[in-house]
Every structure is written in C-alpha cells, then in structure tokens.
Amino acid sequence: MIEVICNDRLGKKVRVKCNPDDTVGDLKKLIAAQTGTDYRKIVLKKWYNIFKDHITLEDYEIHDGMSIELYYS
C-alpha cells in the first residue's frame, strides 16, 4: 500500500491509500469518493504531465508519500 497526497492548491489536500498496481482511473475514483466530486471531472498532473486513466501508478513511478496536483475540469 502506498499513500498519495493530492493537492488542489486551494487549501484542500486529499490523502489516498492505494496499491502501486492500481490505475490512475482507480485513484481518481478514490479521490472522488473523499471529495464528493465526479471522478470524470478530476485531472491529475505532475508538472506538465497529465496522467492518463488506463496507466498504472507504478508505470508513472508514483511512490509512497508522493504529491500530485489535483485539478477539476
């Protein structure tokens, strides 16, 4: 299990526990369950890279304690 911190830069930080072999789409659904928003409106970024839903966290090299930028579209 890893813990990923998602920061929307408006004062809300969401901590999510997931597995490294989960996809980004699975991570979005976990974030949506905590924030109450639709998972299809969530965009996850790191610098200028937008994470795609079908790729696993392990492939993006997302590790325990890593921070990701959270945007709403």
Protein backbone atom coordinates (compact mmCIF):
# COMPACT_ATOMS: atom_id res chain seq x y z
CA MET A 1 0.00 0.00 0.00
CA ILE A 2 1.18 3.49 -0.82
CA GLU A 3 -0.20 6.84 0.25
CA VAL A 4 -0.58 9.56 -2.38
CA ILE A 5 -1.22 13.19 -1.45
CA CYS A 6 -3.34 15.20 -3.89
CA ASN A 7 -3.23 18.99 -3.53
CA ASP A 8 -5.72 21.21 -5.36
CA ARG A 9 -3.82 24.39 -4.38
CA LEU A 10 -6.97 25.89 -2.89
CA GLY A 11 -6.33 24.60 0.59
CA LYS A 12 -7.61 21.07 0.17
CA LYS A 13 -5.24 18.12 0.47
CA VAL A 14 -6.57 14.63 -0.03
CA ARG A 15 -4.61 11.61 1.24
CA VAL A 16 -5.43 8.38 -0.56
CA LYS A 17 -4.14 4.88 0.15
CA CYS A 18 -3.92 2.60 -2.88
CA ASN A 19 -1.82 -0.14 -4.43
CA PRO A 20 1.02 0.53 -6.90
CA ASP A 21 -0.68 -1.67 -9.50
CA ASP A 22 -3.89 0.43 -9.42
CA THR A 23 -4.58 2.58 -12.46
CA VAL A 24 -4.88 6.35 -12.41
CA GLY A 25 -8.61 5.91 -13.05
CA ASP A 26 -8.89 3.88 -9.84
CA LEU A 27 -7.05 6.64 -7.96
CA LYS A 28 -9.46 9.23 -9.37
CA LYS A 29 -12.43 7.19 -8.11
CA LEU A 30 -10.90 7.04 -4.61
CA ILE A 31 -10.33 10.82 -4.65
CA ALA A 32 -13.89 11.40 -5.89
CA ALA A 33 -15.26 9.32 -3.02
CA GLN A 34 -13.46 11.54 -0.49
CA THR A 35 -14.15 14.91 -2.12
CA GLY A 36 -17.70 14.30 -3.36
CA THR A 37 -16.98 15.29 -6.96
CA ASP A 38 -17.45 13.26 -10.13
CA TYR A 39 -14.33 11.25 -10.99
CA ARG A 40 -14.65 12.20 -14.67
CA LYS A 41 -14.02 15.87 -13.77
CA ILE A 42 -10.77 15.18 -11.93
CA VAL A 43 -7.44 15.82 -13.71
CA LEU A 44 -4.19 14.68 -12.07
CA LYS A 45 -0.90 16.32 -13.05
CA LYS A 46 2.74 16.40 -12.06
CA TRP A 47 4.42 19.47 -13.53
CA TYR A 48 3.18 19.42 -17.13
CA ASN A 49 2.44 15.70 -17.37
CA ILE A 50 -1.25 14.86 -17.33
CA PHE A 51 -1.80 11.32 -16.05
CA LYS A 52 -3.93 9.08 -18.25
CA ASP A 53 -6.59 6.83 -16.72
CA HIS A 54 -5.52 3.45 -18.10
CA ILE A 55 -1.86 3.55 -16.97
CA THR A 56 -0.83 2.18 -13.56
CA LEU A 57 0.74 4.25 -10.80
CA GLU A 58 3.81 2.02 -10.93
CA ASP A 59 4.35 2.88 -14.61
CA TYR A 60 4.24 6.59 -13.77
CA GLU A 61 6.70 5.92 -10.90
CA ILE A 62 4.31 7.24 -8.26
CA HIS A 63 5.66 6.15 -4.87
CA ASP A 64 4.66 6.34 -1.22
CA GLY A 65 4.24 9.91 0.03
CA MET A 66 4.35 11.49 -3.42
CA SER A 67 2.37 14.67 -4.03
CA ILE A 68 0.24 15.13 -7.16
CA GLU A 69 -1.56 18.24 -8.38
CA LEU A 70 -5.35 17.94 -8.45
CA TYR A 71 -7.45 19.96 -10.92
CA TYR A 72 -11.14 20.00 -11.76
CA SER A 73 -12.22 20.32 -15.36
